[in-house]
């Protein structure tokens, strides 16, 4: 009898549910799906903010995604001789999972961007606001693929969110299936160029004010990066045309991309706070919360998200001296320090950019800016500050609070609140000079653009008569002007690749000399000049590039990723392939060393 009653009750219940079926179809706002969310502009705006969030993860720009390229350059070395060592030595093994973190985090970013672009194409309410959302998603996706191509050479290209609906979509191939003669590197960068170009046409300039002046990507951001990609592919004429459009605004030109100018104080590009960040020199920067306004939880990966995330970076932790609480991983090279010391200002002082780049005691710094201070501790000439207590090293001051006096020691983890300026107006000037020199050089116009950057540092003007050839002016740009302006910042590793320095014996020898450093616990030796000719004789000396393996100017695709994805193939670093034949086969050249 009880069983019969339960059966009747169940049938009545089902009948009731069936009769109320339409009324019970409710969406839980806390359990949104890709099918139910982002069907209007307000929700799409939330999605594009999520895309911005992904570019400040560990594998993108909050730590290793930024610092891997820093130590690929010849002006930085791995002073811990542990973390970053295979990236600094350019022999990263295929079994090192750390090398996969950037791959992982940039694909998370791409996933969000593809979702946004697919939804934008479905929303019927065409408007300026929708164009702006679409343009931001295109820029961030292009940024992701630009980084993937520059790190991993032949990443898989996925641009349609619908591809994620099947396992085949998730496991996309990184071989050019179009069979049109292009390499996968070219396929990806063709898409990057198209996305940056579209973004430059859809987005407003920073002059629009509001959020566009406070860190959102703008048409100027997209144009600047489009020129970078053109230059990476030796399209100097196309790059120069874009750069001239950005530069023309400084002369009251067409204002196509908004007005930019050099900050009078170079150090204002490396401080935190609204008075300095998103300034008139910045085309694009990564937004981090200022010290004192952050949460407490380090949000290292895209999956361990927290409502109380710090939303800072760990760049300072990697750069910071051990005595000041830092992880003591990366140091400025002796070559970069000596380069700064070779030329004084028109008033006989040291180049002020040295102050903000390398944290050393100098008599010139007495009374200059914050003075001879390391955080809030006074430095002395008798007890130099070194990065690593065991291996020494010149401390990197840039993108840290070593020179600002904000606090007494590094707060390790994702707590650095300084926005990372990824592209500055000075880069536009020096890139324009490089393109002009490649096309017509040496010319007075190229010299004028270089002098605009030098004048900020109070250095004497260069003269076109000082450079008898385009090769000579290139040497000045590549190995004097750029390292002094951008030393210890992201981008030098990419420059070495595009210039072909790994594919020419003299150029490889040159960066071996630049990359020579001393490992010593004797602090008094930290400023000593070093010579590559003594490597192998003096056991404390080493050059990062001695261990360079062909193809390892790029990072290998992690073997675990290849095991999981049967449609992926490795790159030149996986197989030890020399890329020089491809470089020269494109008609590109390596400019000879000019002493």
Protein backbone atom coordinates (compact mmCIF):
# COMPACT_ATOMS: atom_id res chain seq x y z
CA UNK A 1 0.00 0.00 0.00
CA UNK A 2 2.88 2.41 0.87
CA UNK A 3 4.59 1.67 -2.46
CA UNK A 4 1.35 2.46 -4.32
CA UNK A 5 1.02 5.82 -2.50
CA UNK A 6 4.63 6.74 -3.35
CA UNK A 7 4.02 5.86 -7.01
CA UNK A 8 0.92 8.07 -7.16
CA UNK A 9 2.83 10.95 -5.52
CA UNK A 10 5.74 10.65 -7.99
CA UNK A 11 3.37 10.63 -10.99
CA UNK A 12 1.55 13.68 -9.67
CA UNK A 13 4.86 15.43 -9.15
CA UNK A 14 6.05 14.74 -12.68
CA UNK A 15 2.70 15.89 -14.05
CA UNK A 16 2.98 19.11 -12.09
CA UNK A 17 6.50 19.75 -13.37
CA UNK A 18 5.42 19.07 -16.93
CA UNK A 19 2.51 21.49 -16.66
CA UNK A 20 4.81 24.24 -15.28
CA UNK A 21 7.70 23.53 -17.65
CA UNK A 22 7.76 26.99 -19.26
CA UNK A 23 7.61 28.84 -15.96
CA UNK A 24 10.53 26.93 -14.43
CA UNK A 25 13.08 27.66 -17.19
CA UNK A 26 15.16 30.09 -15.13
CA UNK A 27 18.87 30.94 -15.55
CA UNK A 28 20.97 30.94 -12.41
CA UNK A 29 22.93 34.23 -12.61
CA UNK A 30 25.74 32.59 -10.65
CA UNK A 31 26.09 29.72 -13.11
CA UNK A 32 26.42 31.43 -16.47
CA UNK A 33 27.54 29.45 -19.51
CA UNK A 34 29.07 30.51 -22.78
CA UNK A 35 25.64 30.06 -24.30
CA UNK A 36 23.79 32.30 -21.85
CA UNK A 37 26.38 35.03 -21.20
CA UNK A 38 27.72 37.94 -23.27
CA UNK A 39 24.64 38.44 -25.40
CA UNK A 40 24.58 42.20 -24.85
CA UNK A 41 27.11 45.01 -24.74
CA UNK A 42 27.30 45.28 -20.95
CA UNK A 43 28.17 41.61 -20.57
CA UNK A 44 30.66 41.82 -23.45
CA UNK A 45 32.35 44.65 -21.57
CA UNK A 46 32.82 42.31 -18.59
CA UNK A 47 34.38 39.73 -20.91
CA UNK A 48 36.92 42.14 -22.36
CA UNK A 49 37.92 43.15 -18.81
CA UNK A 50 38.56 39.44 -18.19
CA UNK A 51 40.88 39.46 -21.21
CA UNK A 52 42.87 42.31 -19.66
CA UNK A 53 43.09 40.29 -16.46
CA UNK A 54 44.79 37.44 -18.30
CA UNK A 55 47.68 39.57 -19.57
CA UNK A 56 48.89 40.08 -16.00
CA UNK A 57 49.30 36.41 -15.09
CA UNK A 58 52.61 34.69 -14.33
CA UNK A 59 53.06 33.36 -17.85
CA UNK A 60 52.02 36.59 -19.57
CA UNK A 61 53.54 39.71 -17.99
CA UNK A 62 53.39 39.36 -14.20
CA UNK A 63 56.60 37.33 -14.00
CA UNK A 64 58.15 34.69 -16.28
CA UNK A 65 56.30 35.84 -19.40
CA UNK A 66 58.13 39.14 -19.05
CA UNK A 67 61.45 38.11 -17.54
CA UNK A 68 62.23 35.21 -19.90
CA UNK A 69 62.81 37.70 -22.67
CA UNK A 70 64.68 40.05 -20.34
CA UNK A 71 67.28 37.38 -19.63
CA UNK A 72 67.40 36.30 -23.29
CA UNK A 73 68.94 39.71 -23.91
CA UNK A 74 72.64 40.43 -23.62
CA UNK A 75 72.25 43.13 -20.95
CA UNK A 76 70.93 40.80 -18.23
CA UNK A 77 72.23 37.56 -16.70
CA UNK A 78 70.88 34.96 -14.28
CA UNK A 79 72.61 35.78 -10.99
CA UNK A 80 70.86 33.04 -9.00
CA UNK A 81 72.22 30.48 -11.51
CA UNK A 82 69.11 28.43 -10.75
CA UNK A 83 65.82 30.04 -11.79
CA UNK A 84 65.87 31.23 -15.42
CA UNK A 85 69.22 29.52 -16.02
CA UNK A 86 68.17 27.55 -19.14
CA UNK A 87 66.51 30.66 -20.60
CA UNK A 88 69.62 32.73 -19.94
CA UNK A 89 71.88 29.98 -21.33
CA UNK A 90 69.59 29.49 -24.35
CA UNK A 91 69.44 25.73 -23.95
CA UNK A 92 65.99 25.20 -22.42
CA UNK A 93 65.20 21.44 -22.38
CA UNK A 94 61.92 20.17 -23.79
CA UNK A 95 61.09 18.57 -20.42
CA UNK A 96 61.15 21.82 -18.39
CA UNK A 97 57.53 22.68 -17.60
CA UNK A 98 58.37 26.29 -16.66
CA UNK A 99 59.03 26.95 -20.34
CA UNK A 100 55.40 26.03 -21.02
CA UNK A 101 53.86 28.57 -18.63
CA UNK A 102 53.79 31.37 -21.21
CA UNK A 103 52.25 29.00 -23.77
CA UNK A 104 49.57 28.06 -21.24
CA UNK A 105 48.68 31.58 -20.12
CA UNK A 106 48.64 33.16 -23.57
CA UNK A 107 46.24 30.48 -24.80
CA UNK A 108 43.97 31.21 -21.84
CA UNK A 109 44.05 34.81 -23.02
CA UNK A 110 43.28 33.82 -26.61
CA UNK A 111 40.35 31.71 -25.44
CA UNK A 112 38.71 34.73 -23.80
CA UNK A 113 39.43 36.97 -26.81
CA UNK A 114 37.99 34.46 -29.27
CA UNK A 115 34.87 34.23 -27.14
CA UNK A 116 34.50 38.02 -27.21
CA UNK A 117 35.05 38.35 -30.97
CA UNK A 118 32.57 35.54 -31.69
CA UNK A 119 29.92 37.16 -29.48
CA UNK A 120 30.53 40.60 -31.00
CA UNK A 121 29.79 39.14 -34.41
CA UNK A 122 26.48 37.76 -33.08
CA UNK A 123 25.22 40.89 -31.30
CA UNK A 124 22.88 42.87 -33.54
CA UNK A 125 23.27 46.22 -31.78
CA UNK A 126 26.07 47.59 -33.93
CA UNK A 127 27.54 50.65 -32.25
CA UNK A 128 30.73 52.52 -31.46
CA UNK A 129 30.80 50.78 -28.08
CA UNK A 130 30.66 47.36 -29.72
CA UNK A 131 33.45 48.35 -32.11
CA UNK A 132 35.57 49.38 -29.13
CA UNK A 133 35.01 46.05 -27.39
CA UNK A 134 35.80 44.19 -30.60
CA UNK A 135 38.94 46.27 -31.17
CA UNK A 136 40.24 45.61 -27.66
CA UNK A 137 39.71 41.86 -28.05
CA UNK A 138 41.54 41.91 -31.38
CA UNK A 139 44.47 43.82 -29.89
CA UNK A 140 44.85 41.48 -26.91
CA UNK A 141 44.55 38.40 -29.13
CA UNK A 142 47.20 39.82 -31.47
CA UNK A 143 49.41 40.57 -28.47
CA UNK A 144 49.03 36.96 -27.33
CA UNK A 145 49.95 35.49 -30.71
CA UNK A 146 52.84 37.96 -31.12
CA UNK A 147 54.32 36.70 -27.86
CA UNK A 148 53.67 33.06 -28.73
CA UNK A 149 55.37 33.43 -32.11
CA UNK A 150 58.34 35.28 -30.62
CA UNK A 151 58.77 32.65 -27.90
CA UNK A 152 57.68 29.40 -29.56
CA UNK A 153 58.09 30.12 -33.30
CA UNK A 154 55.20 27.99 -34.63
CA UNK A 155 52.18 28.15 -32.26
CA UNK A 156 48.80 26.78 -33.25
CA UNK A 157 46.49 29.46 -34.64
CA UNK A 158 42.88 29.39 -33.38
CA UNK A 159 40.68 32.41 -34.10
CA UNK A 160 37.14 30.97 -34.11
CA UNK A 161 35.57 30.20 -30.75
CA UNK A 162 33.35 27.60 -32.43
CA UNK A 163 36.45 25.48 -32.90
CA UNK A 164 36.43 24.83 -29.17
CA UNK A 165 33.19 22.89 -29.38
CA UNK A 166 35.03 19.71 -30.35
CA UNK A 167 38.17 17.96 -29.19
CA UNK A 168 39.66 18.62 -32.61
CA UNK A 169 39.28 22.33 -31.99
CA UNK A 170 41.06 22.16 -28.68
CA UNK A 171 43.87 20.15 -30.23
CA UNK A 172 44.55 22.39 -33.19
CA UNK A 173 47.51 21.79 -35.48
CA UNK A 174 50.50 24.11 -35.67
CA UNK A 175 51.37 23.08 -39.22
CA UNK A 176 50.27 25.27 -42.11
CA UNK A 177 47.46 23.17 -43.54
CA UNK A 178 46.82 25.68 -46.35
CA UNK A 179 49.95 24.45 -48.14
CA UNK A 180 50.51 27.95 -49.55
CA UNK A 181 54.25 28.07 -49.02
CA UNK A 182 54.10 30.03 -45.78
CA UNK A 183 55.65 28.79 -42.58
CA UNK A 184 53.46 28.57 -39.50
CA UNK A 185 55.47 31.53 -38.15
CA UNK A 186 54.23 33.57 -41.13
CA UNK A 187 50.66 32.29 -40.84
CA UNK A 188 50.48 33.44 -37.24
CA UNK A 189 52.13 36.81 -37.85
CA UNK A 190 49.86 37.47 -40.84
CA UNK A 191 46.94 37.13 -38.43
CA UNK A 192 48.70 39.31 -35.86
CA UNK A 193 49.20 42.06 -38.44
CA UNK A 194 45.55 41.86 -39.50
CA UNK A 195 44.31 42.05 -35.89
CA UNK A 196 46.54 44.99 -34.94
CA UNK A 197 45.56 46.81 -38.15
CA UNK A 198 41.84 46.32 -37.46
CA UNK A 199 42.28 47.39 -33.84
CA UNK A 200 44.08 50.56 -34.95
CA UNK A 201 41.02 51.41 -37.06
CA UNK A 202 38.37 50.55 -34.45
CA UNK A 203 39.79 52.00 -31.24
CA UNK A 204 39.84 55.63 -30.08
CA UNK A 205 43.05 57.42 -29.17
CA UNK A 206 44.24 58.23 -25.66
CA UNK A 207 43.12 61.81 -26.38
CA UNK A 208 39.52 60.62 -25.96
CA UNK A 209 40.22 60.67 -22.23
CA UNK A 210 38.42 58.61 -19.61
CA UNK A 211 39.33 54.94 -19.62
CA UNK A 212 41.30 55.37 -22.85
CA UNK A 213 43.75 57.63 -21.05
CA UNK A 214 43.91 55.34 -18.02
CA UNK A 215 45.28 52.14 -19.45
CA UNK A 216 42.90 50.75 -22.06
CA UNK A 217 44.49 49.82 -25.36
CA UNK A 218 44.06 52.53 -27.98
CA UNK A 219 44.55 53.00 -31.71
CA UNK A 220 48.03 54.27 -30.82
CA UNK A 221 48.78 51.05 -28.93
CA UNK A 222 47.71 48.99 -31.93
CA UNK A 223 49.65 51.12 -34.41
CA UNK A 224 52.81 50.90 -32.33
CA UNK A 225 52.60 47.12 -32.13
CA UNK A 226 51.75 46.84 -35.81
CA UNK A 227 55.02 48.63 -36.56
CA UNK A 228 56.85 46.23 -34.25
CA UNK A 229 55.50 43.21 -36.12
CA UNK A 230 56.40 44.75 -39.47
CA UNK A 231 59.96 45.30 -38.24
CA UNK A 232 60.19 41.75 -36.90
CA UNK A 233 59.56 40.69 -40.50
CA UNK A 234 61.93 43.29 -41.98
CA UNK A 235 59.06 45.27 -43.54
CA UNK A 236 60.81 48.54 -42.83
CA UNK A 237 58.89 50.72 -45.31
CA UNK A 238 55.52 49.61 -43.94
CA UNK A 239 56.73 50.09 -40.37
CA UNK A 240 58.12 53.56 -41.05
CA UNK A 241 54.81 54.73 -42.53
CA UNK A 242 52.98 53.71 -39.35
CA UNK A 243 55.64 55.17 -37.06
CA UNK A 244 55.57 58.49 -38.93
CA UNK A 245 51.83 58.71 -38.32
CA UNK A 246 52.46 58.32 -34.59
CA UNK A 247 55.35 60.79 -34.64
CA UNK A 248 53.47 63.43 -36.60
CA UNK A 249 51.27 64.19 -33.61
CA UNK A 250 54.25 65.63 -31.73
CA UNK A 251 54.61 68.23 -34.49
CA UNK A 252 50.92 69.08 -34.54
CA UNK A 253 50.28 66.71 -37.42
CA UNK A 254 47.16 64.74 -38.21
CA UNK A 255 46.69 63.47 -34.63
CA UNK A 256 45.67 60.13 -36.10
CA UNK A 257 46.75 58.12 -33.10
CA UNK A 258 46.68 60.74 -30.35
CA UNK A 259 49.42 62.91 -28.91
CA UNK A 260 52.52 61.39 -27.32
CA UNK A 261 55.67 62.98 -25.99
CA UNK A 262 58.73 62.10 -23.94
CA UNK A 263 58.43 62.66 -20.22
CA UNK A 264 60.97 65.24 -19.06
CA UNK A 265 62.06 62.90 -16.26
CA UNK A 266 63.08 59.47 -17.54
CA UNK A 267 62.36 57.99 -14.10
CA UNK A 268 58.68 58.84 -14.37
CA UNK A 269 58.33 55.80 -16.64
CA UNK A 270 59.25 53.47 -13.78
CA UNK A 271 57.33 54.73 -10.77
CA UNK A 272 53.90 53.71 -9.55
CA UNK A 273 50.95 55.99 -8.88
CA UNK A 274 48.47 57.98 -10.94
CA UNK A 275 50.92 60.90 -11.24
CA UNK A 276 53.28 58.72 -13.32
CA UNK A 277 51.45 55.74 -14.81
CA UNK A 278 49.64 55.94 -18.16
CA UNK A 279 51.61 59.11 -18.86
CA UNK A 280 52.14 61.00 -22.12
CA UNK A 281 55.01 58.71 -23.14
CA UNK A 282 53.15 55.43 -22.72
CA UNK A 283 51.56 53.75 -25.73
CA UNK A 284 50.72 50.59 -23.79
CA UNK A 285 51.32 49.33 -20.29
CA UNK A 286 50.19 46.51 -18.03
CA UNK A 287 48.04 47.76 -15.16
CA UNK A 288 48.96 46.65 -11.63
CA UNK A 289 47.44 47.84 -8.38
CA UNK A 290 49.58 50.26 -6.37
CA UNK A 291 51.25 49.22 -3.15
CA UNK A 292 48.83 49.55 -0.24
CA UNK A 293 45.72 49.03 -2.36
CA UNK A 294 46.28 45.36 -3.18
CA UNK A 295 44.69 42.20 -1.87
CA UNK A 296 46.59 39.46 -0.11
CA UNK A 297 46.34 36.43 -2.42
CA UNK A 298 48.95 35.79 -5.11
CA UNK A 299 47.10 34.85 -8.31
CA UNK A 300 49.85 33.01 -10.18
CA UNK A 301 47.86 31.13 -12.81
CA UNK A 302 44.54 31.57 -14.63
CA UNK A 303 42.95 28.80 -12.55
CA UNK A 304 43.77 29.85 -8.99
CA UNK A 305 41.74 33.06 -9.17
CA UNK A 306 40.85 34.91 -6.01
CA UNK A 307 38.46 37.75 -5.25
CA UNK A 308 41.20 39.08 -2.97
CA UNK A 309 44.05 38.90 -5.51
CA UNK A 310 47.03 41.21 -5.08
CA UNK A 311 46.86 42.24 -8.76
CA UNK A 312 50.54 43.18 -8.71
CA UNK A 313 53.57 41.75 -10.50
CA UNK A 314 56.57 39.74 -9.31
CA UNK A 315 59.08 41.57 -11.50
CA UNK A 316 60.59 43.30 -8.47
CA UNK A 317 60.87 39.97 -6.66
CA UNK A 318 62.99 38.56 -9.51
CA UNK A 319 65.14 41.69 -9.75
CA UNK A 320 65.42 42.53 -6.05
CA UNK A 321 68.70 41.99 -4.13
CA UNK A 322 68.68 39.16 -1.60
CA UNK A 323 69.66 41.53 1.22
CA UNK A 324 66.50 43.53 0.48
CA UNK A 325 64.15 40.56 0.46
CA UNK A 326 64.26 39.88 -3.28
CA UNK A 327 64.70 36.53 -4.99
CA UNK A 328 68.01 37.75 -6.50
CA UNK A 329 67.47 36.04 -9.86
CA UNK A 330 68.49 38.57 -12.51
CA UNK A 331 71.26 41.17 -12.73
CA UNK A 332 72.40 43.81 -15.19
CA UNK A 333 75.43 42.83 -17.28
CA UNK A 334 78.85 44.44 -16.77
CA UNK A 335 78.69 45.41 -20.46
CA UNK A 336 75.58 47.53 -19.93
CA UNK A 337 77.12 49.24 -16.89
CA UNK A 338 80.33 50.05 -18.76
CA UNK A 339 78.29 51.32 -21.73
CA UNK A 340 76.61 53.87 -19.47
CA UNK A 341 79.96 54.95 -18.03
CA UNK A 342 81.52 55.62 -21.44
CA UNK A 343 79.60 58.80 -22.22
CA UNK A 344 78.76 61.74 -19.96
CA UNK A 345 76.12 64.42 -20.31
CA UNK A 346 76.79 67.91 -21.67
CA UNK A 347 77.30 69.03 -18.06
CA UNK A 348 79.80 66.27 -17.31
CA UNK A 349 77.43 64.06 -15.31
CA UNK A 350 76.50 60.40 -15.64
CA UNK A 351 73.60 59.50 -17.91
CA UNK A 352 70.52 59.77 -15.63
CA UNK A 353 69.12 56.59 -17.18
CA UNK A 354 71.85 54.66 -15.35
CA UNK A 355 70.28 55.72 -12.05
CA UNK A 356 66.95 54.13 -12.96
CA UNK A 357 68.44 51.06 -14.66
CA UNK A 358 71.19 49.78 -12.34
CA UNK A 359 71.19 50.15 -8.55
CA UNK A 360 74.82 51.13 -7.86
CA UNK A 361 76.43 53.74 -5.66
CA UNK A 362 77.82 56.65 -7.68
CA UNK A 363 79.12 59.99 -6.42
CA UNK A 364 77.02 61.69 -9.12
CA UNK A 365 73.87 60.50 -7.38
CA UNK A 366 74.45 62.59 -4.26
CA UNK A 367 71.61 65.09 -4.36
CA UNK A 368 70.13 63.49 -7.51
CA UNK A 369 66.55 62.19 -7.30
CA UNK A 370 66.36 59.95 -4.20
CA UNK A 371 70.13 59.84 -3.87
CA UNK A 372 72.34 56.84 -3.12
CA UNK A 373 69.60 54.81 -1.49
CA UNK A 374 68.64 51.17 -1.90
CA UNK A 375 65.00 51.13 -0.84
CA UNK A 376 65.29 53.09 2.43
CA UNK A 377 68.88 52.04 3.24
CA UNK A 378 71.77 54.34 2.43
CA UNK A 379 74.38 52.81 0.12
CA UNK A 380 78.10 53.34 0.62
CA UNK A 381 81.01 52.90 -1.78
CA UNK A 382 82.69 50.52 0.63
CA UNK A 383 79.83 48.04 0.89
CA UNK A 384 78.26 47.70 -2.57
CA UNK A 385 74.80 46.21 -2.90
CA UNK A 386 74.81 43.05 -5.01
CA UNK A 387 71.87 41.10 -6.39
CA UNK A 388 72.84 37.64 -5.24
CA UNK A 389 74.88 37.05 -2.10
CA UNK A 390 76.64 34.01 -3.61
CA UNK A 391 77.18 35.16 -7.19
CA UNK A 392 77.20 38.94 -6.96
CA UNK A 393 75.64 40.90 -9.79
CA UNK A 394 74.70 44.53 -10.44
CA UNK A 395 71.15 45.06 -9.11
CA UNK A 396 68.47 46.02 -11.63
CA UNK A 397 66.66 49.13 -10.43
CA UNK A 398 64.20 49.45 -13.29
CA UNK A 399 60.58 48.50 -12.58
CA UNK A 400 61.36 48.20 -8.87
CA UNK A 401 61.05 50.58 -5.93
CA UNK A 402 64.80 50.44 -5.25
CA UNK A 403 65.08 54.13 -6.24
CA UNK A 404 61.76 55.47 -4.94
CA UNK A 405 61.93 55.00 -1.15
CA UNK A 406 58.40 53.64 -1.07
CA UNK A 407 59.31 50.84 1.34
CA UNK A 408 62.35 49.36 3.06
CA UNK A 409 62.48 45.98 1.33
CA UNK A 410 60.95 43.90 -1.44
CA UNK A 411 57.53 42.45 -0.66
CA UNK A 412 58.03 39.16 -2.51
CA UNK A 413 55.33 37.62 -4.63
CA UNK A 414 52.86 39.48 -6.84
CA UNK A 415 53.08 42.76 -4.92
CA UNK A 416 55.01 45.11 -7.22
CA UNK A 417 52.56 47.88 -8.10
CA UNK A 418 54.58 49.56 -10.86
CA UNK A 419 52.80 49.38 -14.22
CA UNK A 420 55.05 47.71 -16.78
CA UNK A 421 55.36 50.08 -19.74
CA UNK A 422 55.45 47.72 -22.69
CA UNK A 423 55.80 50.43 -25.35
CA UNK A 424 56.99 53.99 -24.89
CA UNK A 425 57.24 56.94 -27.25
CA UNK A 426 61.03 56.72 -27.11
CA UNK A 427 60.68 53.30 -28.77
CA UNK A 428 58.69 54.91 -31.59
CA UNK A 429 61.50 57.44 -32.12
CA UNK A 430 64.33 54.89 -32.13
CA UNK A 431 62.38 52.44 -34.29
CA UNK A 432 61.64 55.19 -36.80
CA UNK A 433 65.35 56.02 -36.87
CA UNK A 434 66.21 52.36 -37.46
CA UNK A 435 63.68 52.01 -40.30
CA UNK A 436 64.86 55.24 -41.92
CA UNK A 437 68.43 54.00 -41.74
CA UNK A 438 67.49 50.63 -43.25
CA UNK A 439 65.77 52.35 -46.18
CA UNK A 440 67.85 55.48 -46.80
CA UNK A 441 70.56 55.62 -44.15
CA UNK A 442 72.43 57.23 -42.81
CA UNK A 443 70.27 60.38 -42.94
CA UNK A 444 69.81 63.53 -40.89
CA UNK A 445 66.20 62.55 -40.25
CA UNK A 446 67.30 59.32 -38.54
CA UNK A 447 69.85 61.29 -36.49
CA UNK A 448 67.18 63.82 -35.45
CA UNK A 449 64.93 61.09 -34.06
CA UNK A 450 67.84 59.58 -32.14
CA UNK A 451 68.84 62.97 -30.78
CA UNK A 452 65.33 63.55 -29.45
CA UNK A 453 65.88 60.58 -27.11
CA UNK A 454 69.44 61.58 -26.28
CA UNK A 455 68.42 65.15 -25.47
CA UNK A 456 66.18 63.94 -22.65
CA UNK A 457 69.27 62.33 -21.11
CA UNK A 458 71.24 65.56 -21.74
CA UNK A 459 73.67 63.83 -24.07
CA UNK A 460 75.36 65.69 -26.91
CA UNK A 461 73.73 65.55 -30.34
CA UNK A 462 74.99 63.03 -32.84
CA UNK A 463 75.91 64.25 -36.32
CA UNK A 464 75.23 62.46 -39.56
CA UNK A 465 78.87 63.03 -40.51
CA UNK A 466 79.85 60.76 -37.59
CA UNK A 467 78.42 57.76 -39.46
CA UNK A 468 79.98 56.94 -42.83
CA UNK A 469 77.58 54.09 -43.52
CA UNK A 470 74.19 52.64 -42.61
CA UNK A 471 76.10 49.82 -40.92
CA UNK A 472 77.80 52.32 -38.60
CA UNK A 473 74.54 54.03 -37.67
CA UNK A 474 72.85 50.67 -37.11
CA UNK A 475 75.63 49.77 -34.66
CA UNK A 476 74.93 52.98 -32.74
CA UNK A 477 71.20 52.28 -32.61
CA UNK A 478 71.45 48.58 -31.78
CA UNK A 479 74.34 48.57 -29.32
CA UNK A 480 74.36 52.05 -27.78
CA UNK A 481 71.06 53.89 -28.02
CA UNK A 482 68.62 51.04 -27.53
CA UNK A 483 70.39 49.28 -24.64
CA UNK A 484 70.82 52.55 -22.73
CA UNK A 485 67.20 53.57 -23.24
CA UNK A 486 65.60 50.13 -22.76
CA UNK A 487 68.23 48.21 -20.77
CA UNK A 488 66.75 45.43 -18.59
CA UNK A 489 63.31 45.78 -20.18
CA UNK A 490 61.34 43.28 -22.26
CA UNK A 491 62.23 43.25 -25.96
CA UNK A 492 66.00 42.87 -26.30
CA UNK A 493 65.70 39.12 -26.88
CA UNK A 494 63.25 39.78 -29.71
CA UNK A 495 65.62 42.34 -31.20
CA UNK A 496 68.51 39.86 -31.27
CA UNK A 497 66.29 37.44 -33.21
CA UNK A 498 65.07 39.96 -35.78
CA UNK A 499 68.57 41.33 -36.32
CA UNK A 500 69.84 37.79 -36.98
CA UNK A 501 72.62 38.03 -34.40
CA UNK A 502 72.45 34.26 -33.80
CA UNK A 503 73.13 33.56 -37.49
CA UNK A 504 76.37 35.47 -38.00
CA UNK A 505 79.67 34.42 -36.42
CA UNK A 506 80.82 37.98 -35.67
CA UNK A 507 77.49 38.99 -34.19
CA UNK A 508 77.28 35.85 -32.08
CA UNK A 509 80.79 36.58 -30.83
CA UNK A 510 79.70 40.12 -30.00
CA UNK A 511 76.79 39.06 -27.82
CA UNK A 512 79.04 36.51 -26.15
CA UNK A 513 81.24 39.43 -25.16
CA UNK A 514 78.22 41.47 -24.01
CA UNK A 515 76.91 38.50 -22.04
CA UNK A 516 80.07 37.86 -20.03
CA UNK A 517 79.72 38.17 -16.25
CA UNK A 518 81.50 37.33 -13.02
CA UNK A 519 80.09 34.96 -10.36
CA UNK A 520 81.72 36.03 -7.10
CA UNK A 521 80.77 36.45 -3.46
CA UNK A 522 83.31 39.27 -3.24
CA UNK A 523 81.15 42.40 -3.32
CA UNK A 524 84.07 44.66 -4.09
CA UNK A 525 84.36 43.11 -7.56
CA UNK A 526 80.78 43.79 -8.64
CA UNK A 527 81.68 46.80 -10.83
CA UNK A 528 84.77 45.30 -12.41
CA UNK A 529 85.01 45.14 -16.18
CA UNK A 530 85.14 41.62 -17.56
CA UNK A 531 86.54 40.21 -20.77
CA UNK A 532 85.23 37.29 -22.78
CA UNK A 533 88.82 36.37 -23.60
CA UNK A 534 89.26 35.40 -19.94
CA UNK A 535 86.34 32.95 -19.95
CA UNK A 536 87.81 29.51 -19.36
CA UNK A 537 90.86 31.03 -17.70
CA UNK A 538 89.18 32.80 -14.81
CA UNK A 539 86.78 30.21 -13.29
CA UNK A 540 84.46 32.96 -12.02
CA UNK A 541 83.72 34.20 -15.53
CA UNK A 542 80.99 32.88 -17.78
CA UNK A 543 79.14 33.97 -20.91
CA UNK A 544 75.51 32.96 -21.32
CA UNK A 545 75.80 32.58 -25.07
CA UNK A 546 78.56 29.99 -24.92
CA UNK A 547 75.85 27.43 -24.20
CA UNK A 548 73.54 28.59 -27.00
CA UNK A 549 72.24 25.69 -29.05
CA UNK A 550 71.03 26.24 -32.63
CA UNK A 551 67.30 26.85 -32.73
CA UNK A 552 67.20 27.83 -29.05
CA UNK A 553 66.79 31.51 -29.74
CA UNK A 554 63.19 30.26 -29.40
CA UNK A 555 61.80 28.18 -26.53
CA UNK A 556 60.96 24.54 -27.23
CA UNK A 557 57.34 23.46 -27.10
CA UNK A 558 57.05 21.45 -23.88
CA UNK A 559 57.13 17.70 -24.44
CA UNK A 560 54.11 17.19 -22.18
CA UNK A 561 52.10 19.50 -24.42
CA UNK A 562 53.20 17.56 -27.50
CA UNK A 563 52.24 14.30 -25.78
CA UNK A 564 48.77 15.65 -25.02
CA UNK A 565 48.21 17.07 -28.48
CA UNK A 566 48.85 14.68 -31.39
CA UNK A 567 48.31 17.51 -33.90
CA UNK A 568 51.26 19.56 -32.63
CA UNK A 569 54.83 19.33 -33.87
CA UNK A 570 57.93 20.76 -32.24
CA UNK A 571 59.90 23.79 -33.35
CA UNK A 572 63.56 24.54 -34.04
CA UNK A 573 64.42 24.30 -30.33
CA UNK A 574 62.77 20.88 -30.07
CA UNK A 575 64.78 19.51 -32.98
CA UNK A 576 67.99 21.57 -32.77
CA UNK A 577 67.34 23.11 -36.18
CA UNK A 578 69.51 26.00 -37.33
CA UNK A 579 67.23 28.85 -38.47
CA UNK A 580 69.89 30.71 -40.43
CA UNK A 581 68.86 29.18 -43.78
CA UNK A 582 65.29 30.38 -43.28
CA UNK A 583 66.48 33.85 -42.19
CA UNK A 584 68.75 34.41 -45.18
CA UNK A 585 66.34 32.60 -47.51
CA UNK A 586 63.84 35.41 -46.90
CA UNK A 587 66.35 37.88 -48.32
CA UNK A 588 67.12 39.31 -44.88
CA UNK A 589 70.64 40.34 -43.97
CA UNK A 590 72.71 40.67 -40.82
CA UNK A 591 74.55 43.97 -40.65
CA UNK A 592 78.28 43.48 -40.03
CA UNK A 593 79.88 44.49 -36.75
CA UNK A 594 81.28 48.03 -36.82
CA UNK A 595 83.79 48.72 -34.08
